Amino acid sequence: MRGWISAALAALAIGTAQAQPKAPGTDYPSRPVRVIVALAPGGNADINARVVAGQLSAQLGQQFLVENRPSGGGTVAFETLAAAAPDGYTLLVGALGSHALNIGLYGERLRVHPLTGVDHITISSHSAIAVAVHPSLPVRTLAEFAALLRADPGRYDYGSSGNGTTGHIAGAMLVQLLGVQAQHVPYRGSAAAFTDLAAGRTAFQADTISFLAEPLKAGTARGLVIATPERSPLAPDLPTSAEAGLPAYQATTWTPWSATLGTPAPIRQFLYEQIAEALREPAVRDRLTGLGNTIPEGMTPERTRAFIASEIDRWVPIVRATGARVD
């Protein structure tokens, strides 16, 4: 009897293994996959990575293990990815900052170019940028905010999730468009930056609406503007940039998935298809859209690369125009 049970269990295990999807012509994935996040825990990219990685683990029968490497605005994560074998077992999840803005900030100092130094898989979400201030500031509109900063140049600071991140450049862009002065203070992640905003040690923060929505509802921060043409259902009272009188202020981040340069095309295509399937799962979709994300369709490896190239063309001149720098 014991022998029959053992044989049955072995057959079941073999059948289960055979039922797991594999990249065509390969046994991928046959071991755990490392998913490096270029930003700190708790932010939009991290949530994307963990939600999607959890679903991929269920779909493919292998663990997709998330690891945060936020140093250097994502440059360390890129260098880690570039040093890995091009076999699909090391992936990178980033954002607008890591995949586009850093080119304008670091220029030739970048050891791994975000467009040509890695291969791309897909984009799992887009998220609008909003601006929030400490509730003690005597401002309720963007015009009042600009007047406050203009009246006392250099007095006010703004925090971000780090040098070169979307929040850094979105804040610098706002300052430049308003024609005011404010000092940038980089932190290790959005949560760390918001801790100082909530305590009144900084005056304002530009970040994803997915991150700021809860503090806005709780009253620990006051929203001024969302940098998109449409209002967000997460913060329906928050005016758009056009409604706030600054239509040029448009900023949306996105969540790209990348692989080591030279990763075989069948594996990248397979990962794109599996991530797309994961994003169709109601629990995954509801989690991400519930945070104010929109989920793009059909972002194949080829379309993802073209999109990133277009975003680099758009944002690098903006970064340079703001005068933003990194140490």
C-alpha atoms as a PDB file:
ATOM      1  CA  MET A   1       0.000   0.000   0.000  1.00  0.00           C
ATOM      2  CA  ARG A   2       2.781   2.414   0.945  1.00  0.00           C
ATOM      3  CA  GLY A   3       4.515   1.726  -2.368  1.00  0.00           C
ATOM      4  CA  TRP A   4       1.316   2.429  -4.303  1.00  0.00           C
ATOM      5  CA  ILE A   5       0.784   5.716  -2.436  1.00  0.00           C
ATOM      6  CA  SER A   6       4.389   6.791  -3.052  1.00  0.00           C
ATOM      7  CA  ALA A   7       4.088   5.973  -6.732  1.00  0.00           C
ATOM      8  CA  ALA A   8       0.817   7.886  -6.980  1.00  0.00           C
ATOM      9  CA  LEU A   9       2.297  10.927  -5.271  1.00  0.00           C
ATOM     10  CA  ALA A  10       5.335  10.818  -7.552  1.00  0.00           C
ATOM     11  CA  ALA A  11       3.113  10.611 -10.607  1.00  0.00           C
ATOM     12  CA  LEU A  12       1.055  13.536  -9.322  1.00  0.00           C
ATOM     13  CA  ALA A  13       4.192  15.602  -8.766  1.00  0.00           C
ATOM     14  CA  ILE A  14       5.429  14.799 -12.274  1.00  0.00           C
ATOM     15  CA  GLY A  15       2.056  15.668 -13.755  1.00  0.00           C
ATOM     16  CA  THR A  16       1.948  18.949 -11.831  1.00  0.00           C
ATOM     17  CA  ALA A  17       5.443  19.873 -12.982  1.00  0.00           C
ATOM     18  CA  GLN A  18       4.547  19.046 -16.569  1.00  0.00           C
ATOM     19  CA  ALA A  19       1.433  21.197 -16.302  1.00  0.00           C
ATOM     20  CA  GLN A  20       3.419  24.333 -15.423  1.00  0.00           C
ATOM     21  CA  PRO A  21       3.946  26.648 -18.410  1.00  0.00           C
ATOM     22  CA  LYS A  22       7.480  26.895 -19.828  1.00  0.00           C
ATOM     23  CA  ALA A  23       9.096  29.254 -22.311  1.00  0.00           C
ATOM     24  CA  PRO A  24       8.971  27.557 -25.751  1.00  0.00           C
ATOM     25  CA  GLY A  25      11.974  25.336 -26.397  1.00  0.00           C
ATOM     26  CA  THR A  26      13.312  25.762 -22.843  1.00  0.00           C
ATOM     27  CA  ASP A  27      12.760  24.518 -19.298  1.00  0.00           C
ATOM     28  CA  TYR A  28      12.402  28.111 -18.057  1.00  0.00           C
ATOM     29  CA  PRO A  29      11.649  28.658 -15.252  1.00  0.00           C
ATOM     30  CA  SER A  30      13.147  25.633 -13.519  1.00  0.00           C
ATOM     31  CA  ARG A  31      14.378  27.435 -10.386  1.00  0.00           C
ATOM     32  CA  PRO A  32      13.497  30.592  -8.404  1.00  0.00           C
ATOM     33  CA  VAL A  33      13.642  33.953 -10.195  1.00  0.00           C
ATOM     34  CA  ARG A  34      15.183  37.028  -8.563  1.00  0.00           C
ATOM     35  CA  VAL A  35      13.169  40.245  -9.013  1.00  0.00           C
ATOM     36  CA  ILE A  36      15.232  43.351  -8.169  1.00  0.00           C
ATOM     37  CA  VAL A  37      13.251  46.518  -7.415  1.00  0.00           C
ATOM     38  CA  ALA A  38      15.121  49.743  -8.150  1.00  0.00           C
ATOM     39  CA  LEU A  39      13.209  51.639  -5.448  1.00  0.00           C
ATOM     40  CA  ALA A  40      12.609  51.286  -1.722  1.00  0.00           C
ATOM     41  CA  PRO A  41       9.887  49.129  -0.149  1.00  0.00           C
ATOM     42  CA  GLY A  42       6.384  50.561   0.104  1.00  0.00           C
ATOM     43  CA  GLY A  43       6.347  52.606  -3.091  1.00  0.00           C
ATOM     44  CA  ASN A  44       4.367  51.993  -6.262  1.00  0.00           C
ATOM     45  CA  ALA A  45       7.095  50.019  -8.072  1.00  0.00           C
ATOM     46  CA  ASP A  46       7.611  47.803  -5.019  1.00  0.00           C
ATOM     47  CA  ILE A  47       3.887  47.080  -4.719  1.00  0.00           C
ATOM     48  CA  ASN A  48       3.697  46.291  -8.445  1.00  0.00           C
ATOM     49  CA  ALA A  49       6.646  43.933  -8.155  1.00  0.00           C
ATOM     50  CA  ARG A  50       5.311  42.081  -5.112  1.00  0.00           C
ATOM     51  CA  VAL A  51       1.747  41.728  -6.361  1.00  0.00           C
ATOM     52  CA  VAL A  52       2.762  40.548  -9.830  1.00  0.00           C
ATOM     53  CA  ALA A  53       5.615  38.353  -8.534  1.00  0.00           C
ATOM     54  CA  GLY A  54       3.219  36.604  -6.189  1.00  0.00           C
ATOM     55  CA  GLN A  55       0.870  35.813  -9.057  1.00  0.00           C
ATOM     56  CA  LEU A  56       3.754  34.659 -11.280  1.00  0.00           C
ATOM     57  CA  SER A  57       4.865  32.283  -8.534  1.00  0.00           C
ATOM     58  CA  ALA A  58       1.377  30.759  -8.521  1.00  0.00           C
ATOM     59  CA  GLN A  59       1.167  30.548 -12.317  1.00  0.00           C
ATOM     60  CA  LEU A  60       4.594  29.076 -12.946  1.00  0.00           C
ATOM     61  CA  GLY A  61       5.279  26.942  -9.895  1.00  0.00           C
ATOM     62  CA  GLN A  62       8.555  28.733  -9.149  1.00  0.00           C
ATOM     63  CA  GLN A  63       9.188  31.471  -6.615  1.00  0.00           C
ATOM     64  CA  PHE A  64       9.675  35.021  -7.930  1.00  0.00           C
ATOM     65  CA  LEU A  65      11.636  36.540  -5.043  1.00  0.00           C
ATOM     66  CA  VAL A  66      11.560  40.329  -4.656  1.00  0.00           C
ATOM     67  CA  GLU A  67      14.671  42.202  -3.503  1.00  0.00           C
ATOM     68  CA  ASN A  68      14.893  45.996  -3.099  1.00  0.00           C
ATOM     69  CA  ARG A  69      18.077  47.733  -4.307  1.00  0.00           C
ATOM     70  CA  PRO A  70      17.194  51.459  -4.203  1.00  0.00           C
ATOM     71  CA  SER A  71      20.681  52.978  -3.960  1.00  0.00           C
ATOM     72  CA  GLY A  72      21.779  55.557  -6.521  1.00  0.00           C
ATOM     73  CA  GLY A  73      18.293  56.213  -7.865  1.00  0.00           C
ATOM     74  CA  GLY A  74      18.243  52.755  -9.431  1.00  0.00           C
ATOM     75  CA  THR A  75      21.786  52.770 -10.829  1.00  0.00           C
ATOM     76  CA  VAL A  76      22.874  50.040  -8.396  1.00  0.00           C
ATOM     77  CA  ALA A  77      19.922  47.880  -9.430  1.00  0.00           C
ATOM     78  CA  PHE A  78      20.867  48.299 -13.093  1.00  0.00           C
ATOM     79  CA  GLU A  79      24.472  47.337 -12.400  1.00  0.00           C
ATOM     80  CA  THR A  80      23.288  44.280 -10.477  1.00  0.00           C
ATOM     81  CA  LEU A  81      21.073  43.240 -13.370  1.00  0.00           C
ATOM     82  CA  ALA A  82      23.827  43.797 -15.935  1.00  0.00           C
ATOM     83  CA  ALA A  83      26.197  41.547 -13.963  1.00  0.00           C
ATOM     84  CA  ALA A  84      23.717  38.644 -13.936  1.00  0.00           C
ATOM     85  CA  ALA A  85      23.584  35.855 -16.482  1.00  0.00           C
ATOM     86  CA  PRO A  86      21.254  36.627 -19.431  1.00  0.00           C
ATOM     87  CA  ASP A  87      18.955  33.718 -18.675  1.00  0.00           C
ATOM     88  CA  GLY A  88      15.782  35.316 -17.296  1.00  0.00           C
ATOM     89  CA  TYR A  89      16.504  34.373 -13.692  1.00  0.00           C
ATOM     90  CA  THR A  90      17.270  37.978 -12.716  1.00  0.00           C
ATOM     91  CA  LEU A  91      14.698  40.662 -13.516  1.00  0.00           C
ATOM     92  CA  LEU A  92      14.464  44.364 -12.716  1.00  0.00           C
ATOM     93  CA  VAL A  93      11.377  46.417 -11.856  1.00  0.00           C
ATOM     94  CA  GLY A  94      11.847  50.178 -12.011  1.00  0.00           C
ATOM     95  CA  ALA A  95      10.099  53.438 -12.745  1.00  0.00           C
ATOM     96  CA  LEU A  96      10.345  56.575 -14.846  1.00  0.00           C
ATOM     97  CA  GLY A  97      13.284  57.728 -12.732  1.00  0.00           C
ATOM     98  CA  SER A  98      15.426  54.626 -13.093  1.00  0.00           C
ATOM     99  CA  HIS A  99      14.642  54.024 -16.764  1.00  0.00           C
ATOM    100  CA  ALA A 100      14.625  57.570 -18.189  1.00  0.00           C
ATOM    101  CA  LEU A 101      15.366  60.426 -15.794  1.00  0.00           C
ATOM    102  CA  ASN A 102      18.758  59.060 -14.765  1.00  0.00           C
ATOM    103  CA  ILE A 103      20.049  59.616 -18.285  1.00  0.00           C
ATOM    104  CA  GLY A 104      19.512  63.347 -17.859  1.00  0.00           C
ATOM    105  CA  LEU A 105      20.955  63.328 -14.349  1.00  0.00           C
ATOM    106  CA  TYR A 106      24.023  61.116 -14.731  1.00  0.00           C
ATOM    107  CA  GLY A 107      24.782  61.348 -18.443  1.00  0.00           C
ATOM    108  CA  GLU A 108      28.004  59.563 -19.347  1.00  0.00           C
ATOM    109  CA  ARG A 109      28.534  58.521 -15.722  1.00  0.00           C
ATOM    110  CA  LEU A 110      25.870  55.845 -16.121  1.00  0.00           C
ATOM    111  CA  ARG A 111      27.568  52.456 -16.292  1.00  0.00           C
ATOM    112  CA  VAL A 112      24.441  50.762 -17.654  1.00  0.00           C
ATOM    113  CA  HIS A 113      22.258  52.672 -20.098  1.00  0.00           C
ATOM    114  CA  PRO A 114      18.565  52.105 -19.270  1.00  0.00           C
ATOM    115  CA  LEU A 115      17.620  51.730 -22.930  1.00  0.00           C
ATOM    116  CA  THR A 116      20.546  49.932 -24.546  1.00  0.00           C
ATOM    117  CA  GLY A 117      22.239  48.271 -21.558  1.00  0.00           C
ATOM    118  CA  VAL A 118      19.351  45.925 -20.679  1.00  0.00           C
ATOM    119  CA  ASP A 119      16.533  44.116 -22.438  1.00  0.00           C
ATOM    120  CA  HIS A 120      12.909  45.045 -21.765  1.00  0.00           C
ATOM    121  CA  ILE A 121       9.884  42.860 -21.127  1.00  0.00           C
ATOM    122  CA  THR A 122       6.761  44.914 -20.418  1.00  0.00           C
ATOM    123  CA  ILE A 123       5.182  47.700 -18.341  1.00  0.00           C
ATOM    124  CA  SER A 124       2.759  46.682 -15.623  1.00  0.00           C
ATOM    125  CA  SER A 125       1.206  50.057 -14.721  1.00  0.00           C
ATOM    126  CA  HIS A 126       1.107  53.824 -15.046  1.00  0.00           C
ATOM    127  CA  SER A 127       0.589  56.126 -12.051  1.00  0.00           C
ATOM    128  CA  ALA A 128      -0.063  59.863 -11.972  1.00  0.00           C
ATOM    129  CA  ILE A 129       2.073  62.246  -9.923  1.00  0.00           C
ATOM    130  CA  ALA A 130       0.435  64.495  -7.345  1.00  0.00           C
ATOM    131  CA  VAL A 131       1.796  67.240  -5.090  1.00  0.00           C
ATOM    132  CA  ALA A 132       1.027  67.449  -1.393  1.00  0.00           C
ATOM    133  CA  VAL A 133       2.006  69.985   1.264  1.00  0.00           C
ATOM    134  CA  HIS A 134       2.148  69.905   5.038  1.00  0.00           C
ATOM    135  CA  PRO A 135      -1.283  70.869   6.412  1.00  0.00           C
ATOM    136  CA  SER A 136       0.193  73.739   8.415  1.00  0.00           C
ATOM    137  CA  LEU A 137       1.149  75.640   5.263  1.00  0.00           C
ATOM    138  CA  PRO A 138      -1.374  78.449   4.750  1.00  0.00           C
ATOM    139  CA  VAL A 139      -2.114  77.438   1.157  1.00  0.00           C
ATOM    140  CA  ARG A 140      -4.963  75.592  -0.501  1.00  0.00           C
ATOM    141  CA  THR A 141      -4.252  76.248  -4.165  1.00  0.00           C
ATOM    142  CA  LEU A 142      -1.235  76.042  -6.411  1.00  0.00           C
ATOM    143  CA  ALA A 143      -1.346  79.805  -6.918  1.00  0.00           C
ATOM    144  CA  GLU A 144      -1.221  80.405  -3.157  1.00  0.00           C
ATOM    145  CA  PHE A 145       1.615  77.914  -2.873  1.00  0.00           C
ATOM    146  CA  ALA A 146       3.623  79.721  -5.567  1.00  0.00           C
ATOM    147  CA  ALA A 147       3.057  83.051  -3.841  1.00  0.00           C
ATOM    148  CA  LEU A 148       4.248  81.612  -0.524  1.00  0.00           C
ATOM    149  CA  LEU A 149       7.504  80.282  -2.008  1.00  0.00           C
ATOM    150  CA  ARG A 150       8.049  83.423  -4.032  1.00  0.00           C
ATOM    151  CA  ALA A 151       7.717  85.619  -0.937  1.00  0.00           C
ATOM    152  CA  ASP A 152      10.476  83.754   0.925  1.00  0.00           C
ATOM    153  CA  PRO A 153      12.976  82.310  -1.592  1.00  0.00           C
ATOM    154  CA  GLY A 154      14.946  79.300  -0.419  1.00  0.00           C
ATOM    155  CA  ARG A 155      13.077  78.835   2.861  1.00  0.00           C
ATOM    156  CA  TYR A 156      11.098  75.764   1.856  1.00  0.00           C
ATOM    157  CA  ASP A 157      12.300  72.199   1.197  1.00  0.00           C
ATOM    158  CA  TYR A 158      10.744  69.309  -0.673  1.00  0.00           C
ATOM    159  CA  GLY A 159      11.417  65.647  -0.084  1.00  0.00           C
ATOM    160  CA  SER A 160      11.558  62.792  -2.572  1.00  0.00           C
ATOM    161  CA  SER A 161      12.200  59.060  -2.582  1.00  0.00           C
ATOM    162  CA  GLY A 162      15.788  59.714  -3.688  1.00  0.00           C
ATOM    163  CA  ASN A 163      18.083  61.453  -6.128  1.00  0.00           C
ATOM    164  CA  GLY A 164      16.987  60.856  -9.702  1.00  0.00           C
ATOM    165  CA  THR A 165      13.580  59.462  -8.791  1.00  0.00           C
ATOM    166  CA  THR A 166      10.339  60.598 -10.352  1.00  0.00           C
ATOM    167  CA  GLY A 167       9.470  62.542  -7.188  1.00  0.00           C
ATOM    168  CA  HIS A 168      12.778  64.409  -7.345  1.00  0.00           C
ATOM    169  CA  ILE A 169      12.329  65.535 -10.938  1.00  0.00           C
ATOM    170  CA  ALA A 170       8.575  66.145 -10.602  1.00  0.00           C
ATOM    171  CA  GLY A 171       9.341  68.430  -7.670  1.00  0.00           C
ATOM    172  CA  ALA A 172      12.147  70.196  -9.531  1.00  0.00           C
ATOM    173  CA  MET A 173       9.911  70.561 -12.577  1.00  0.00           C
ATOM    174  CA  LEU A 174       7.180  72.172 -10.484  1.00  0.00           C
ATOM    175  CA  VAL A 175       9.644  74.618  -8.920  1.00  0.00           C
ATOM    176  CA  GLN A 176      11.027  75.529 -12.342  1.00  0.00           C
ATOM    177  CA  LEU A 177       7.590  76.021 -13.935  1.00  0.00           C
ATOM    178  CA  LEU A 178       6.412  78.187 -11.039  1.00  0.00           C
ATOM    179  CA  GLY A 179       9.588  80.268 -11.130  1.00  0.00           C
ATOM    180  CA  VAL A 180      10.274  79.801  -7.406  1.00  0.00           C
ATOM    181  CA  GLN A 181      13.088  78.400  -5.270  1.00  0.00           C
ATOM    182  CA  ALA A 182      13.038  75.311  -3.037  1.00  0.00           C
ATOM    183  CA  GLN A 183      15.699  72.921  -1.796  1.00  0.00           C
ATOM    184  CA  HIS A 184      15.510  69.218  -2.679  1.00  0.00           C
ATOM    185  CA  VAL A 185      16.032  66.716   0.156  1.00  0.00           C
ATOM    186  CA  PRO A 186      16.512  63.086  -0.991  1.00  0.00           C
ATOM    187  CA  TYR A 187      15.395  60.163   1.195  1.00  0.00           C
ATOM    188  CA  ARG A 188      15.567  56.389   0.930  1.00  0.00           C
ATOM    189  CA  GLY A 189      12.041  55.868  -0.305  1.00  0.00           C
ATOM    190  CA  SER A 190       8.702  57.653  -0.423  1.00  0.00           C
ATOM    191  CA  ALA A 191       7.718  56.551   3.079  1.00  0.00           C
ATOM    192  CA  ALA A 192      10.857  58.046   4.615  1.00  0.00           C
ATOM    193  CA  ALA A 193      10.283  61.305   2.742  1.00  0.00           C
ATOM    194  CA  PHE A 194       6.674  61.447   3.859  1.00  0.00           C
ATOM    195  CA  THR A 195       7.641  60.927   7.503  1.00  0.00           C
ATOM    196  CA  ASP A 196       9.421  64.280   7.411  1.00  0.00           C
ATOM    197  CA  LEU A 197       6.608  65.928   5.451  1.00  0.00           C
ATOM    198  CA  ALA A 198       4.042  64.763   8.016  1.00  0.00           C
ATOM    199  CA  ALA A 199       6.286  66.057  10.804  1.00  0.00           C
ATOM    200  CA  GLY A 200       6.599  69.449   9.123  1.00  0.00           C
ATOM    201  CA  ARG A 201      10.324  69.146   8.492  1.00  0.00           C
ATOM    202  CA  THR A 202       9.730  69.540   4.753  1.00  0.00           C
ATOM    203  CA  ALA A 203       7.093  71.650   3.034  1.00  0.00           C
ATOM    204  CA  PHE A 204       5.947  69.536   0.094  1.00  0.00           C
ATOM    205  CA  GLN A 205       6.379  66.272  -1.786  1.00  0.00           C
ATOM    206  CA  ALA A 206       5.640  65.165  -5.355  1.00  0.00           C
ATOM    207  CA  ASP A 207       4.816  61.457  -5.523  1.00  0.00           C
ATOM    208  CA  THR A 208       2.469  58.937  -7.083  1.00  0.00           C
ATOM    209  CA  ILE A 209      -1.202  59.318  -6.337  1.00  0.00           C
ATOM    210  CA  SER A 210      -1.089  55.650  -5.309  1.00  0.00           C
ATOM    211  CA  PHE A 211       1.252  56.610  -2.470  1.00  0.00           C
ATOM    212  CA  LEU A 212      -0.329  59.943  -1.490  1.00  0.00           C
ATOM    213  CA  ALA A 213      -4.002  58.958  -1.639  1.00  0.00           C
ATOM    214  CA  GLU A 214      -4.220  57.603   1.906  1.00  0.00           C
ATOM    215  CA  PRO A 215      -2.389  60.532   3.581  1.00  0.00           C
ATOM    216  CA  LEU A 216      -4.652  62.932   1.684  1.00  0.00           C
ATOM    217  CA  LYS A 217      -7.745  61.121   2.949  1.00  0.00           C
ATOM    218  CA  ALA A 218      -6.349  61.007   6.480  1.00  0.00           C
ATOM    219  CA  GLY A 219      -5.535  64.713   6.462  1.00  0.00           C
ATOM    220  CA  THR A 220      -1.846  64.219   7.224  1.00  0.00           C
ATOM    221  CA  ALA A 221      -1.111  66.038   3.957  1.00  0.00           C
ATOM    222  CA  ARG A 222      -3.016  68.491   1.784  1.00  0.00           C
ATOM    223  CA  GLY A 223      -3.165  67.935  -1.962  1.00  0.00           C
ATOM    224  CA  LEU A 224      -2.622  70.809  -4.374  1.00  0.00           C
ATOM    225  CA  VAL A 225      -2.581  69.290  -7.854  1.00  0.00           C
ATOM    226  CA  ILE A 226      -2.454  66.073  -9.858  1.00  0.00           C
ATOM    227  CA  ALA A 227      -0.207  66.328 -12.896  1.00  0.00           C
ATOM    228  CA  THR A 228      -2.570  64.792 -15.449  1.00  0.00           C
ATOM    229  CA  PRO A 229      -5.315  65.964 -17.806  1.00  0.00           C
ATOM    230  CA  GLU A 230      -7.986  64.095 -15.782  1.00  0.00           C
ATOM    231  CA  ARG A 231      -8.798  63.949 -12.095  1.00  0.00           C
ATOM    232  CA  SER A 232      -8.153  60.731 -10.178  1.00  0.00           C
ATOM    233  CA  PRO A 233     -10.966  58.689  -8.628  1.00  0.00           C
ATOM    234  CA  LEU A 234      -8.660  58.238  -5.626  1.00  0.00           C
ATOM    235  CA  ALA A 235      -8.654  61.986  -5.000  1.00  0.00           C
ATOM    236  CA  PRO A 236     -11.610  63.429  -6.930  1.00  0.00           C
ATOM    237  CA  ASP A 237     -11.303  66.861  -5.294  1.00  0.00           C
ATOM    238  CA  LEU A 238      -7.685  67.277  -6.390  1.00  0.00           C
ATOM    239  CA  PRO A 239      -7.535  69.658  -9.389  1.00  0.00           C
ATOM    240  CA  THR A 240      -5.684  68.758 -12.555  1.00  0.00           C
ATOM    241  CA  SER A 241      -2.675  70.810 -13.575  1.00  0.00           C
ATOM    242  CA  ALA A 242      -4.798  72.690 -16.122  1.00  0.00           C
ATOM    243  CA  GLU A 243      -7.489  73.420 -13.539  1.00  0.00           C
ATOM    244  CA  ALA A 244      -4.785  74.620 -11.143  1.00  0.00           C
ATOM    245  CA  GLY A 245      -3.463  77.060 -13.750  1.00  0.00           C
ATOM    246  CA  LEU A 246      -0.298  75.174 -14.740  1.00  0.00           C
ATOM    247  CA  PRO A 247      -1.220  72.985 -17.744  1.00  0.00           C
ATOM    248  CA  ALA A 248       2.426  72.319 -18.626  1.00  0.00           C
ATOM    249  CA  TYR A 249       2.855  70.372 -15.408  1.00  0.00           C
ATOM    250  CA  GLN A 250       2.311  66.817 -16.667  1.00  0.00           C
ATOM    251  CA  ALA A 251       3.999  63.874 -14.962  1.00  0.00           C
ATOM    252  CA  THR A 252       3.167  60.195 -14.894  1.00  0.00           C
ATOM    253  CA  THR A 253       5.473  57.397 -13.822  1.00  0.00           C
ATOM    254  CA  TRP A 254       5.328  53.811 -15.066  1.00  0.00           C
ATOM    255  CA  THR A 255       6.564  50.415 -13.935  1.00  0.00           C
ATOM    256  CA  PRO A 256       8.868  48.661 -16.422  1.00  0.00           C
ATOM    257  CA  TRP A 257      10.107  45.074 -16.165  1.00  0.00           C
ATOM    258  CA  SER A 258      13.571  44.455 -17.627  1.00  0.00           C
ATOM    259  CA  ALA A 259      16.028  41.582 -18.056  1.00  0.00           C
ATOM    260  CA  THR A 260      19.771  41.250 -18.509  1.00  0.00           C
ATOM    261  CA  LEU A 261      20.972  42.246 -21.972  1.00  0.00           C
ATOM    262  CA  GLY A 262      21.089  39.156 -24.186  1.00  0.00           C
ATOM    263  CA  THR A 263      18.216  37.310 -22.502  1.00  0.00           C
ATOM    264  CA  PRO A 264      16.746  35.046 -25.207  1.00  0.00           C
ATOM    265  CA  ALA A 265      13.729  36.509 -26.988  1.00  0.00           C
ATOM    266  CA  PRO A 266      11.517  33.448 -26.285  1.00  0.00           C
ATOM    267  CA  ILE A 267      12.046  33.927 -22.531  1.00  0.00           C
ATOM    268  CA  ARG A 268      11.277  37.663 -22.693  1.00  0.00           C
ATOM    269  CA  GLN A 269       8.169  37.003 -24.781  1.00  0.00           C
ATOM    270  CA  PHE A 270       7.111  34.273 -22.356  1.00  0.00           C
ATOM    271  CA  LEU A 271       7.569  36.610 -19.389  1.00  0.00           C
ATOM    272  CA  TYR A 272       5.562  39.318 -21.144  1.00  0.00           C
ATOM    273  CA  GLU A 273       2.719  36.867 -21.742  1.00  0.00           C
ATOM    274  CA  GLN A 274       2.815  35.580 -18.174  1.00  0.00           C
ATOM    275  CA  ILE A 275       2.872  39.087 -16.669  1.00  0.00           C
ATOM    276  CA  ALA A 276      -0.023  40.068 -18.939  1.00  0.00           C
ATOM    277  CA  GLU A 277      -1.913  37.011 -17.677  1.00  0.00           C
ATOM    278  CA  ALA A 278      -1.091  37.933 -14.081  1.00  0.00           C
ATOM    279  CA  LEU A 279      -2.414  41.456 -14.651  1.00  0.00           C
ATOM    280  CA  ARG A 280      -5.722  40.004 -15.853  1.00  0.00           C
ATOM    281  CA  GLU A 281      -6.255  38.245 -12.531  1.00  0.00           C
ATOM    282  CA  PRO A 282      -9.026  40.131 -10.693  1.00  0.00           C
ATOM    283  CA  ALA A 283      -7.140  40.217  -7.372  1.00  0.00           C
ATOM    284  CA  VAL A 284      -4.018  41.618  -9.018  1.00  0.00           C
ATOM    285  CA  ARG A 285      -5.908  44.083 -11.173  1.00  0.00           C
ATOM    286  CA  ASP A 286      -8.075  45.281  -8.291  1.00  0.00           C
ATOM    287  CA  ARG A 287      -5.047  45.769  -6.058  1.00  0.00           C
ATOM    288  CA  LEU A 288      -3.161  47.893  -8.582  1.00  0.00           C
ATOM    289  CA  THR A 289      -6.092  49.906  -9.918  1.00  0.00           C
ATOM    290  CA  GLY A 290      -7.294  50.424  -6.349  1.00  0.00           C
ATOM    291  CA  LEU A 291      -4.053  52.330  -5.785  1.00  0.00           C
ATOM    292  CA  GLY A 292      -4.755  54.641  -8.711  1.00  0.00           C
ATOM    293  CA  ASN A 293      -2.738  52.760 -11.313  1.00  0.00           C
ATOM    294  CA  THR A 294      -3.879  52.177 -14.860  1.00  0.00           C
ATOM    295  CA  ILE A 295      -2.817  48.929 -16.529  1.00  0.00           C
ATOM    296  CA  PRO A 296      -1.688  49.203 -20.158  1.00  0.00           C
ATOM    297  CA  GLU A 297      -2.549  46.551 -22.719  1.00  0.00           C
ATOM    298  CA  GLY A 298      -0.282  44.928 -25.272  1.00  0.00           C
ATOM    299  CA  MET A 299       3.035  46.207 -23.916  1.00  0.00           C
ATOM    300  CA  THR A 300       5.183  43.635 -25.690  1.00  0.00           C
ATOM    301  CA  PRO A 301       8.988  43.729 -25.369  1.00  0.00           C
ATOM    302  CA  GLU A 302       9.193  45.659 -28.643  1.00  0.00           C
ATOM    303  CA  ARG A 303       6.504  48.184 -27.716  1.00  0.00           C
ATOM    304  CA  THR A 304       8.004  48.591 -24.249  1.00  0.00           C
ATOM    305  CA  ARG A 305      11.409  49.448 -25.666  1.00  0.00           C
ATOM    306  CA  ALA A 306       9.868  51.969 -28.073  1.00  0.00           C
ATOM    307  CA  PHE A 307       7.842  53.537 -25.253  1.00  0.00           C
ATOM    308  CA  ILE A 308      10.905  53.894 -23.015  1.00  0.00           C
ATOM    309  CA  ALA A 309      12.836  55.488 -25.894  1.00  0.00           C
ATOM    310  CA  SER A 310      10.045  58.029 -26.386  1.00  0.00           C
ATOM    311  CA  GLU A 311       9.936  58.820 -22.653  1.00  0.00           C
ATOM    312  CA  ILE A 312      13.705  59.347 -22.619  1.00  0.00           C
ATOM    313  CA  ASP A 313      13.349  61.775 -25.530  1.00  0.00           C
ATOM    314  CA  ARG A 314      10.636  63.641 -23.632  1.00  0.00           C
ATOM    315  CA  TRP A 315      12.125  63.727 -20.142  1.00  0.00           C
ATOM    316  CA  VAL A 316      15.880  64.206 -20.573  1.00  0.00           C
ATOM    317  CA  PRO A 317      15.459  67.819 -21.818  1.00  0.00           C
ATOM    318  CA  ILE A 318      13.064  68.482 -18.924  1.00  0.00           C
ATOM    319  CA  VAL A 319      15.593  67.132 -16.420  1.00  0.00           C
ATOM    320  CA  ARG A 320      18.295  69.355 -17.856  1.00  0.00           C
ATOM    321  CA  ALA A 321      16.011  72.380 -17.927  1.00  0.00           C
ATOM    322  CA  THR A 322      15.235  72.001 -14.218  1.00  0.00           C
ATOM    323  CA  GLY A 323      18.931  72.084 -13.349  1.00  0.00           C
ATOM    324  CA  ALA A 324      18.426  69.062 -11.082  1.00  0.00           C
ATOM    325  CA  ARG A 325      21.673  67.416  -9.991  1.00  0.00           C
ATOM    326  CA  VAL A 326      22.865  64.362  -8.087  1.00  0.00           C
ATOM    327  CA  ASP A 327      25.947  64.111  -5.931  1.00  0.00           C
END
